[in-house]
């Protein structure tokens, strides 16, 4: 059974993951509203990914016979001054999540909860990839700040942040939705 401190913190993280999903939807809508479909699509995909992270955490708690808590979340930021601000926000969010995931792994280790520590390893690897992707995207939108279609052209040519399905990913509650 997972340590009580880990379960409590993981339930909190579920809320953060759902909030990240909502934030990415707001960013996608911002880009969609400005006729930037590639940037919008990137963030719509990110929203689904963050939602799935929450669902993986829920499934872990269900599998461990623990009670998942689905916390309420605040409204996302939806207004931005240019094409760079949303990506800056996303990068800051991914760095914050990396810290939260690291804290979860630390709690599991400190509590000798090796199964939960192992569960968190995939999320640690995922956050390294997410920070790298957002850092790269931030550089691109900074280059294209005055000409957003350059960012769109770049995203049309490159496969930014789309690494496909990771067979090592934990199972998500509800299956592959």
N, C-alpha and C. Protein backbone atom coordinates (compact mmCIF):
# COMPACT_ATOMS: atom_id res chain seq x y z
N UNK A 1 0.83 -1.18 0.00
CA UNK A 1 0.00 0.00 0.00
C UNK A 1 0.88 1.25 0.00
N UNK A 2 0.48 2.25 -0.73
CA UNK A 2 1.25 3.49 -0.75
C UNK A 2 1.22 4.19 0.61
N UNK A 3 2.28 4.90 0.89
CA UNK A 3 2.36 5.68 2.13
C UNK A 3 1.29 6.76 2.12
N UNK A 4 0.73 7.03 3.28
CA UNK A 4 -0.34 8.03 3.40
C UNK A 4 0.12 9.40 2.91
N UNK A 5 1.35 9.78 3.22
CA UNK A 5 1.87 11.08 2.78
C UNK A 5 1.94 11.14 1.26
N UNK A 6 2.30 10.02 0.64
CA UNK A 6 2.37 9.98 -0.83
C UNK A 6 0.97 10.09 -1.42
N UNK A 7 0.02 9.35 -0.87
CA UNK A 7 -1.36 9.38 -1.38
C UNK A 7 -1.92 10.79 -1.30
N UNK A 8 -1.70 11.45 -0.19
CA UNK A 8 -2.19 12.82 -0.02
C UNK A 8 -1.60 13.75 -1.07
N UNK A 9 -0.30 13.67 -1.27
CA UNK A 9 0.38 14.53 -2.23
C UNK A 9 0.00 14.16 -3.67
N UNK A 10 -0.20 12.88 -3.95
CA UNK A 10 -0.60 12.48 -5.31
C UNK A 10 -2.00 12.98 -5.61
N UNK A 11 -2.89 12.93 -4.63
CA UNK A 11 -4.22 13.48 -4.85
C UNK A 11 -4.15 14.97 -5.15
N UNK A 12 -3.26 15.68 -4.48
CA UNK A 12 -3.05 17.11 -4.77
C UNK A 12 -2.53 17.28 -6.20
N UNK A 13 -1.62 16.40 -6.61
CA UNK A 13 -1.04 16.48 -7.95
C UNK A 13 -2.08 16.24 -9.03
N UNK A 14 -3.05 15.40 -8.75
CA UNK A 14 -4.13 15.17 -9.71
C UNK A 14 -4.78 16.50 -10.07
N UNK A 15 -5.03 17.34 -9.08
CA UNK A 15 -5.59 18.66 -9.34
C UNK A 15 -4.68 19.51 -10.18
N UNK A 16 -3.38 19.47 -9.91
CA UNK A 16 -2.42 20.25 -10.71
C UNK A 16 -2.41 19.79 -12.16
N UNK A 17 -2.53 18.49 -12.36
CA UNK A 17 -2.53 17.96 -13.73
C UNK A 17 -3.79 18.38 -14.49
N UNK A 18 -4.93 18.33 -13.83
CA UNK A 18 -6.17 18.80 -14.47
C UNK A 18 -6.10 20.30 -14.73
N UNK A 19 -5.50 21.06 -13.81
CA UNK A 19 -5.35 22.51 -14.01
C UNK A 19 -4.43 22.78 -15.20
N UNK A 20 -3.37 21.99 -15.34
CA UNK A 20 -2.46 22.15 -16.49
C UNK A 20 -3.21 21.87 -17.79
N UNK A 21 -4.05 20.85 -17.77
CA UNK A 21 -4.85 20.53 -18.96
C UNK A 21 -5.75 21.71 -19.34
N UNK A 22 -6.43 22.26 -18.35
CA UNK A 22 -7.30 23.41 -18.60
C UNK A 22 -6.50 24.61 -19.12
N UNK A 23 -5.32 24.83 -18.53
CA UNK A 23 -4.49 25.95 -18.97
C UNK A 23 -4.08 25.76 -20.43
N UNK A 24 -3.74 24.54 -20.79
CA UNK A 24 -3.35 24.30 -22.18
C UNK A 24 -4.52 24.45 -23.13
N UNK A 25 -5.72 24.12 -22.69
CA UNK A 25 -6.89 24.38 -23.53
C UNK A 25 -7.05 25.88 -23.74
N UNK A 26 -6.89 26.66 -22.67
CA UNK A 26 -7.00 28.12 -22.80
C UNK A 26 -5.95 28.67 -23.75
N UNK A 27 -4.75 28.15 -23.68
CA UNK A 27 -3.68 28.59 -24.60
C UNK A 27 -4.05 28.20 -26.03
N UNK A 28 -4.52 26.98 -26.21
CA UNK A 28 -4.91 26.52 -27.56
C UNK A 28 -6.01 27.40 -28.13
N UNK A 29 -6.99 27.74 -27.32
CA UNK A 29 -8.09 28.60 -27.78
C UNK A 29 -7.55 29.98 -28.16
N UNK A 30 -6.61 30.48 -27.37
CA UNK A 30 -5.98 31.76 -27.68
C UNK A 30 -5.36 31.72 -29.09
N UNK A 31 -4.60 30.67 -29.37
CA UNK A 31 -3.97 30.56 -30.68
C UNK A 31 -5.00 30.29 -31.77
N UNK A 32 -5.98 29.47 -31.48
CA UNK A 32 -7.04 29.19 -32.45
C UNK A 32 -7.76 30.48 -32.84
N UNK A 33 -8.03 31.30 -31.86
CA UNK A 33 -8.73 32.57 -32.09
C UNK A 33 -7.91 33.53 -32.96
N UNK A 34 -6.61 33.32 -33.02
CA UNK A 34 -5.73 34.18 -33.81
C UNK A 34 -5.32 33.52 -35.12
N UNK A 35 -6.06 32.49 -35.52
CA UNK A 35 -5.81 31.78 -36.78
C UNK A 35 -4.39 31.24 -36.85
N UNK A 36 -3.95 30.64 -35.74
CA UNK A 36 -2.65 29.98 -35.68
C UNK A 36 -2.90 28.50 -35.35
N UNK A 37 -3.35 27.74 -36.35
CA UNK A 37 -3.83 26.38 -36.09
C UNK A 37 -2.77 25.40 -35.63
N UNK A 38 -1.53 25.57 -36.04
CA UNK A 38 -0.48 24.62 -35.62
C UNK A 38 -0.15 24.81 -34.14
N UNK A 39 -0.05 26.06 -33.71
CA UNK A 39 0.18 26.32 -32.28
C UNK A 39 -1.02 25.84 -31.47
N UNK A 40 -2.22 26.08 -31.98
CA UNK A 40 -3.43 25.62 -31.29
C UNK A 40 -3.41 24.10 -31.16
N UNK A 41 -3.13 23.40 -32.24
CA UNK A 41 -3.13 21.94 -32.23
C UNK A 41 -2.09 21.39 -31.25
N UNK A 42 -0.93 22.02 -31.21
CA UNK A 42 0.12 21.61 -30.28
C UNK A 42 -0.42 21.66 -28.85
N UNK A 43 -1.07 22.75 -28.48
CA UNK A 43 -1.55 22.90 -27.11
C UNK A 43 -2.81 22.08 -26.84
N UNK A 44 -3.65 21.84 -27.84
CA UNK A 44 -4.76 20.91 -27.62
C UNK A 44 -4.22 19.52 -27.29
N UNK A 45 -3.17 19.09 -28.00
CA UNK A 45 -2.53 17.79 -27.70
C UNK A 45 -1.95 17.79 -26.29
N UNK A 46 -1.31 18.88 -25.93
CA UNK A 46 -0.72 18.98 -24.59
C UNK A 46 -1.81 18.88 -23.52
N UNK A 47 -2.97 19.47 -23.79
CA UNK A 47 -4.08 19.41 -22.83
C UNK A 47 -4.52 17.97 -22.60
N UNK A 48 -4.62 17.21 -23.67
CA UNK A 48 -5.01 15.80 -23.54
C UNK A 48 -3.94 15.04 -22.76
N UNK A 49 -2.69 15.33 -23.05
CA UNK A 49 -1.60 14.65 -22.35
C UNK A 49 -1.64 14.92 -20.85
N UNK A 50 -1.86 16.17 -20.47
CA UNK A 50 -1.92 16.51 -19.04
C UNK A 50 -3.13 15.84 -18.38
N UNK A 51 -4.24 15.82 -19.07
CA UNK A 51 -5.43 15.13 -18.55
C UNK A 51 -5.11 13.66 -18.35
N UNK A 52 -4.43 13.06 -19.30
CA UNK A 52 -4.08 11.65 -19.17
C UNK A 52 -3.12 11.40 -18.02
N UNK A 53 -2.23 12.36 -17.73
CA UNK A 53 -1.35 12.21 -16.57
C UNK A 53 -2.19 12.12 -15.30
N UNK A 54 -3.20 12.97 -15.18
CA UNK A 54 -4.09 12.91 -14.02
C UNK A 54 -4.79 11.56 -13.97
N UNK A 55 -5.22 11.08 -15.11
CA UNK A 55 -5.93 9.80 -15.15
C UNK A 55 -5.00 8.63 -14.80
N UNK A 56 -3.72 8.72 -15.15
CA UNK A 56 -2.75 7.70 -14.75
C UNK A 56 -2.60 7.68 -13.23
N UNK A 57 -2.57 8.86 -12.64
CA UNK A 57 -2.45 8.95 -11.18
C UNK A 57 -3.70 8.39 -10.50
N UNK A 58 -4.85 8.68 -11.07
CA UNK A 58 -6.10 8.13 -10.53
C UNK A 58 -6.07 6.60 -10.61
N UNK A 59 -5.64 6.07 -11.75
CA UNK A 59 -5.59 4.61 -11.91
C UNK A 59 -4.63 3.99 -10.91
N UNK A 60 -3.49 4.63 -10.67
CA UNK A 60 -2.54 4.11 -9.69
C UNK A 60 -3.19 4.00 -8.31
N UNK A 61 -3.92 5.05 -7.92
CA UNK A 61 -4.58 5.02 -6.62
C UNK A 61 -5.67 3.96 -6.58
N UNK A 62 -6.43 3.83 -7.66
CA UNK A 62 -7.45 2.78 -7.72
C UNK A 62 -6.81 1.39 -7.60
N UNK A 63 -5.72 1.18 -8.33
CA UNK A 63 -5.03 -0.11 -8.29
C UNK A 63 -4.48 -0.42 -6.90
N UNK A 64 -4.11 0.63 -6.17
CA UNK A 64 -3.55 0.47 -4.83
C UNK A 64 -4.63 0.45 -3.75
N UNK A 65 -5.89 0.41 -4.18
CA UNK A 65 -7.04 0.39 -3.27
C UNK A 65 -7.08 1.63 -2.37
N UNK A 66 -6.70 2.75 -2.97
CA UNK A 66 -6.76 4.05 -2.29
C UNK A 66 -7.91 4.85 -2.91
N UNK A 67 -8.29 5.91 -2.24
CA UNK A 67 -9.43 6.73 -2.66
C UNK A 67 -8.93 7.95 -3.43
N UNK A 68 -9.03 7.95 -4.77
CA UNK A 68 -8.62 9.15 -5.51
C UNK A 68 -9.53 10.33 -5.19
N UNK A 69 -8.94 11.49 -5.06
CA UNK A 69 -9.69 12.72 -4.84
C UNK A 69 -9.56 13.58 -6.10
N UNK A 70 -10.67 14.12 -6.55
CA UNK A 70 -10.65 14.97 -7.74
C UNK A 70 -10.92 16.40 -7.25
N UNK A 71 -9.85 17.15 -7.02
CA UNK A 71 -10.03 18.50 -6.48
C UNK A 71 -10.54 19.48 -7.53
N UNK A 72 -11.20 20.52 -7.07
CA UNK A 72 -11.60 21.60 -7.96
C UNK A 72 -10.36 22.39 -8.38
N UNK A 73 -10.48 23.08 -9.48
CA UNK A 73 -9.35 23.87 -9.97
C UNK A 73 -9.82 25.27 -10.31
N UNK A 74 -8.90 26.21 -10.27
CA UNK A 74 -9.20 27.59 -10.62
C UNK A 74 -9.25 27.79 -12.13
N UNK A 75 -9.74 28.94 -12.50
CA UNK A 75 -9.82 29.28 -13.93
C UNK A 75 -8.42 29.50 -14.49
N UNK A 76 -8.19 29.07 -15.72
CA UNK A 76 -6.89 29.29 -16.35
C UNK A 76 -6.76 30.74 -16.84
N UNK A 77 -5.54 31.12 -17.12
CA UNK A 77 -5.27 32.40 -17.75
C UNK A 77 -5.62 32.25 -19.23
N UNK A 78 -6.36 33.20 -19.78
CA UNK A 78 -6.79 33.08 -21.16
C UNK A 78 -6.45 34.25 -22.05
N UNK A 79 -5.85 35.27 -21.48
CA UNK A 79 -5.53 36.47 -22.25
C UNK A 79 -4.02 36.68 -22.25
N UNK A 80 -3.49 36.86 -23.44
CA UNK A 80 -2.05 37.00 -23.60
C UNK A 80 -1.73 38.14 -24.55
N UNK A 81 -0.59 38.78 -24.35
CA UNK A 81 -0.22 39.94 -25.14
C UNK A 81 0.35 39.62 -26.50
N UNK A 82 0.97 38.46 -26.63
CA UNK A 82 1.59 38.09 -27.91
C UNK A 82 1.71 36.58 -27.98
N UNK A 83 2.38 36.06 -29.00
CA UNK A 83 2.48 34.60 -29.15
C UNK A 83 3.49 33.99 -28.19
N UNK A 84 4.32 34.80 -27.57
CA UNK A 84 5.37 34.29 -26.68
C UNK A 84 4.84 34.01 -25.28
N UNK A 85 3.99 34.88 -24.76
CA UNK A 85 3.52 34.76 -23.37
C UNK A 85 2.93 33.40 -23.04
N UNK A 86 2.09 32.81 -23.88
CA UNK A 86 1.54 31.49 -23.53
C UNK A 86 2.61 30.42 -23.39
N UNK A 87 3.63 30.47 -24.22
CA UNK A 87 4.68 29.45 -24.15
C UNK A 87 5.56 29.70 -22.92
N UNK A 88 5.79 30.96 -22.58
CA UNK A 88 6.51 31.25 -21.34
C UNK A 88 5.76 30.68 -20.14
N UNK A 89 4.44 30.87 -20.13
CA UNK A 89 3.61 30.32 -19.06
C UNK A 89 3.69 28.80 -19.04
N UNK A 90 3.63 28.18 -20.22
CA UNK A 90 3.69 26.72 -20.31
C UNK A 90 5.02 26.18 -19.80
N UNK A 91 6.11 26.84 -20.15
CA UNK A 91 7.43 26.40 -19.68
C UNK A 91 7.52 26.52 -18.16
N UNK A 92 7.05 27.62 -17.61
CA UNK A 92 7.05 27.80 -16.15
C UNK A 92 6.20 26.70 -15.49
N UNK A 93 5.08 26.39 -16.10
CA UNK A 93 4.19 25.34 -15.57
C UNK A 93 4.89 23.99 -15.60
N UNK A 94 5.57 23.67 -16.69
CA UNK A 94 6.28 22.38 -16.79
C UNK A 94 7.41 22.29 -15.77
N UNK A 95 8.10 23.38 -15.53
CA UNK A 95 9.16 23.38 -14.51
C UNK A 95 8.58 23.17 -13.12
N UNK A 96 7.45 23.80 -12.85
CA UNK A 96 6.78 23.63 -11.56
C UNK A 96 6.34 22.17 -11.38
N UNK A 97 5.78 21.58 -12.42
CA UNK A 97 5.35 20.19 -12.35
C UNK A 97 6.56 19.27 -12.13
N UNK A 98 7.67 19.57 -12.76
CA UNK A 98 8.89 18.77 -12.55
C UNK A 98 9.28 18.79 -11.08
N UNK A 99 9.20 19.95 -10.45
CA UNK A 99 9.50 20.04 -9.03
C UNK A 99 8.50 19.23 -8.20
N UNK A 100 7.23 19.30 -8.57
CA UNK A 100 6.19 18.56 -7.85
C UNK A 100 6.39 17.05 -7.99
N UNK A 101 6.72 16.62 -9.18
CA UNK A 101 6.96 15.20 -9.42
C UNK A 101 8.18 14.73 -8.62
N UNK A 102 9.21 15.54 -8.61
CA UNK A 102 10.40 15.21 -7.82
C UNK A 102 10.07 15.09 -6.34
N UNK A 103 9.22 15.98 -5.85
CA UNK A 103 8.80 15.93 -4.45
C UNK A 103 8.01 14.65 -4.16
N UNK A 104 7.16 14.26 -5.08
CA UNK A 104 6.42 13.01 -4.91
C UNK A 104 7.38 11.81 -4.83
N UNK A 105 8.37 11.78 -5.70
CA UNK A 105 9.35 10.69 -5.67
C UNK A 105 10.13 10.71 -4.36
N UNK A 106 10.46 11.90 -3.88
CA UNK A 106 11.20 12.02 -2.61
C UNK A 106 10.36 11.49 -1.45
N UNK A 107 9.10 11.88 -1.42
CA UNK A 107 8.21 11.40 -0.35
C UNK A 107 8.14 9.88 -0.37
N UNK A 108 7.94 9.31 -1.55
CA UNK A 108 7.86 7.85 -1.67
C UNK A 108 9.14 7.20 -1.15
N UNK A 109 10.29 7.76 -1.54
CA UNK A 109 11.57 7.19 -1.10
C UNK A 109 11.72 7.32 0.41
N UNK A 110 11.43 8.50 0.94
CA UNK A 110 11.57 8.73 2.39
C UNK A 110 10.67 7.81 3.20
N UNK A 111 9.52 7.45 2.62
CA UNK A 111 8.55 6.57 3.30
C UNK A 111 8.79 5.09 2.99
N UNK A 112 9.88 4.79 2.28
CA UNK A 112 10.18 3.42 1.85
C UNK A 112 9.02 2.81 1.06
N UNK A 113 8.38 3.65 0.27
CA UNK A 113 7.25 3.25 -0.58
C UNK A 113 7.81 3.06 -1.99
N UNK A 114 8.42 1.90 -2.20
CA UNK A 114 9.17 1.68 -3.43
C UNK A 114 8.29 1.55 -4.65
N UNK A 115 7.10 1.02 -4.50
CA UNK A 115 6.19 0.93 -5.64
C UNK A 115 5.80 2.32 -6.13
N UNK A 116 5.51 3.23 -5.20
CA UNK A 116 5.16 4.59 -5.60
C UNK A 116 6.36 5.33 -6.17
N UNK A 117 7.52 5.07 -5.62
CA UNK A 117 8.74 5.68 -6.18
C UNK A 117 8.94 5.21 -7.62
N UNK A 118 8.75 3.94 -7.86
CA UNK A 118 8.87 3.40 -9.21
C UNK A 118 7.83 4.01 -10.14
N UNK A 119 6.61 4.16 -9.67
CA UNK A 119 5.54 4.78 -10.45
C UNK A 119 5.94 6.18 -10.89
N UNK A 120 6.61 6.93 -10.04
CA UNK A 120 6.96 8.32 -10.34
C UNK A 120 8.11 8.42 -11.35
N UNK A 121 8.87 7.36 -11.55
CA UNK A 121 10.02 7.43 -12.45
C UNK A 121 9.60 7.80 -13.87
N UNK A 122 8.49 7.28 -14.34
CA UNK A 122 8.03 7.61 -15.69
C UNK A 122 7.72 9.10 -15.79
N UNK A 123 7.11 9.66 -14.76
CA UNK A 123 6.76 11.08 -14.76
C UNK A 123 8.01 11.96 -14.72
N UNK A 124 9.05 11.51 -14.04
CA UNK A 124 10.31 12.26 -14.02
C UNK A 124 10.88 12.34 -15.43
N UNK A 125 10.91 11.19 -16.11
CA UNK A 125 11.40 11.16 -17.50
C UNK A 125 10.53 12.04 -18.39
N UNK A 126 9.24 11.97 -18.20
CA UNK A 126 8.29 12.76 -19.00
C UNK A 126 8.53 14.26 -18.82
N UNK A 127 8.81 14.69 -17.59
CA UNK A 127 9.02 16.12 -17.35
C UNK A 127 10.30 16.63 -18.00
N UNK A 128 11.32 15.79 -18.07
CA UNK A 128 12.54 16.18 -18.79
C UNK A 128 12.20 16.46 -20.25
N UNK A 129 11.41 15.58 -20.85
CA UNK A 129 10.99 15.76 -22.25
C UNK A 129 10.12 17.00 -22.42
N UNK A 130 9.19 17.21 -21.49
CA UNK A 130 8.27 18.36 -21.58
C UNK A 130 9.02 19.69 -21.48
N UNK A 131 9.96 19.76 -20.56
CA UNK A 131 10.74 21.00 -20.41
C UNK A 131 11.57 21.25 -21.65
N UNK A 132 12.16 20.21 -22.20
CA UNK A 132 12.95 20.36 -23.43
C UNK A 132 12.08 20.84 -24.58
N UNK A 133 10.91 20.23 -24.75
CA UNK A 133 10.00 20.62 -25.83
C UNK A 133 9.55 22.07 -25.68
N UNK A 134 9.14 22.46 -24.46
CA UNK A 134 8.67 23.84 -24.26
C UNK A 134 9.80 24.84 -24.40
N UNK A 135 11.00 24.48 -23.99
CA UNK A 135 12.15 25.37 -24.17
C UNK A 135 12.42 25.61 -25.64
N UNK A 136 12.37 24.55 -26.43
CA UNK A 136 12.56 24.68 -27.87
C UNK A 136 11.46 25.53 -28.50
N UNK A 137 10.21 25.26 -28.11
CA UNK A 137 9.09 26.03 -28.66
C UNK A 137 9.20 27.50 -28.27
N UNK A 138 9.64 27.77 -27.06
CA UNK A 138 9.80 29.16 -26.64
C UNK A 138 10.82 29.88 -27.53
N UNK A 139 11.92 29.23 -27.83
CA UNK A 139 12.90 29.85 -28.74
C UNK A 139 12.28 30.15 -30.10
N UNK A 140 11.49 29.22 -30.60
CA UNK A 140 10.86 29.40 -31.92
C UNK A 140 9.90 30.59 -31.90
N UNK A 141 9.02 30.65 -30.90
CA UNK A 141 8.06 31.76 -30.89
C UNK A 141 8.74 33.09 -30.59
N UNK A 142 9.83 33.06 -29.87
CA UNK A 142 10.58 34.31 -29.66
C UNK A 142 11.16 34.80 -30.99
N UNK A 143 11.69 33.89 -31.79
CA UNK A 143 12.19 34.26 -33.11
C UNK A 143 11.07 34.82 -33.98
N UNK A 144 9.88 34.24 -33.82
CA UNK A 144 8.75 34.58 -34.70
C UNK A 144 7.78 35.58 -34.06
N UNK A 145 8.16 36.22 -33.00
CA UNK A 145 7.26 37.11 -32.26
C UNK A 145 6.57 38.11 -33.18
N UNK A 146 7.30 38.71 -34.09
CA UNK A 146 6.73 39.74 -34.98
C UNK A 146 6.10 39.15 -36.23
N UNK A 147 6.33 37.86 -36.44
CA UNK A 147 5.78 37.22 -37.63
C UNK A 147 5.33 35.80 -37.26
N UNK A 148 4.18 35.69 -36.58
CA UNK A 148 3.73 34.40 -36.05
C UNK A 148 3.63 33.28 -37.08
N UNK A 149 3.43 33.63 -38.35
CA UNK A 149 3.32 32.58 -39.35
C UNK A 149 4.63 31.82 -39.52
N UNK A 150 5.75 32.42 -39.12
CA UNK A 150 7.01 31.70 -39.14
C UNK A 150 6.98 30.54 -38.14
N UNK A 151 6.38 30.75 -36.99
CA UNK A 151 6.22 29.66 -36.02
C UNK A 151 5.31 28.59 -36.58
N UNK A 152 4.25 29.01 -37.24
CA UNK A 152 3.33 28.05 -37.87
C UNK A 152 4.07 27.21 -38.91
N UNK A 153 4.89 27.86 -39.74
CA UNK A 153 5.65 27.14 -40.77
C UNK A 153 6.60 26.14 -40.12
N UNK A 154 7.25 26.55 -39.05
CA UNK A 154 8.17 25.66 -38.34
C UNK A 154 7.42 24.42 -37.82
N UNK A 155 6.29 24.66 -37.18
CA UNK A 155 5.52 23.54 -36.64
C UNK A 155 4.98 22.64 -37.73
N UNK A 156 4.71 23.19 -38.91
CA UNK A 156 4.25 22.38 -40.04
C UNK A 156 5.37 21.45 -40.53
N UNK A 157 6.62 21.92 -40.43
CA UNK A 157 7.76 21.12 -40.90
C UNK A 157 8.26 20.12 -39.87
N UNK A 158 8.22 20.47 -38.61
CA UNK A 158 8.83 19.66 -37.56
C UNK A 158 7.77 18.94 -36.73
N UNK A 159 8.17 17.88 -36.08
CA UNK A 159 7.28 17.14 -35.19
C UNK A 159 7.60 17.53 -33.75
N UNK A 160 7.21 18.71 -33.37
CA UNK A 160 7.52 19.22 -32.05
C UNK A 160 6.59 18.60 -31.02
N UNK A 161 7.18 17.93 -30.03
CA UNK A 161 6.40 17.39 -28.92
C UNK A 161 5.50 16.23 -29.24
N UNK A 162 5.63 15.63 -30.40
CA UNK A 162 4.77 14.52 -30.76
C UNK A 162 5.62 13.26 -30.89
N UNK A 163 5.91 12.66 -29.74
CA UNK A 163 6.76 11.47 -29.73
C UNK A 163 5.96 10.18 -29.84
N UNK A 164 4.67 10.30 -30.06
CA UNK A 164 3.84 9.11 -30.18
C UNK A 164 3.51 8.51 -28.83
N UNK A 165 3.01 7.30 -28.84
CA UNK A 165 2.59 6.60 -27.62
C UNK A 165 3.81 5.97 -26.97
N UNK A 166 3.94 6.15 -25.67
CA UNK A 166 5.03 5.56 -24.90
C UNK A 166 4.53 4.26 -24.27
N UNK A 167 5.05 3.13 -24.73
CA UNK A 167 4.60 1.84 -24.23
C UNK A 167 4.89 1.66 -22.75
N UNK A 168 5.83 2.41 -22.21
CA UNK A 168 6.18 2.30 -20.79
C UNK A 168 5.30 3.18 -19.90
N UNK A 169 4.41 3.95 -20.48
CA UNK A 169 3.55 4.84 -19.70
C UNK A 169 2.62 4.05 -18.80
N UNK A 170 2.35 4.57 -17.62
CA UNK A 170 1.39 3.89 -16.74
C UNK A 170 0.00 3.87 -17.37
N UNK A 171 -0.81 2.93 -16.94
CA UNK A 171 -2.20 2.86 -17.42
C UNK A 171 -2.99 4.04 -16.89
N UNK A 172 -3.92 4.51 -17.71
CA UNK A 172 -4.79 5.62 -17.32
C UNK A 172 -6.17 5.09 -17.00
N UNK A 173 -6.80 5.68 -15.97
CA UNK A 173 -8.17 5.32 -15.65
C UNK A 173 -9.05 5.58 -16.87
N UNK A 174 -9.96 4.69 -17.14
CA UNK A 174 -10.82 4.85 -18.30
C UNK A 174 -10.22 4.30 -19.57
N UNK A 175 -9.01 3.76 -19.51
CA UNK A 175 -8.36 3.22 -20.68
C UNK A 175 -7.85 4.31 -21.60
N UNK A 176 -7.59 3.97 -22.81
CA UNK A 176 -7.04 4.91 -23.81
C UNK A 176 -8.17 5.76 -24.36
N UNK A 177 -8.44 6.85 -23.69
CA UNK A 177 -9.51 7.75 -24.14
C UNK A 177 -8.95 8.83 -25.02
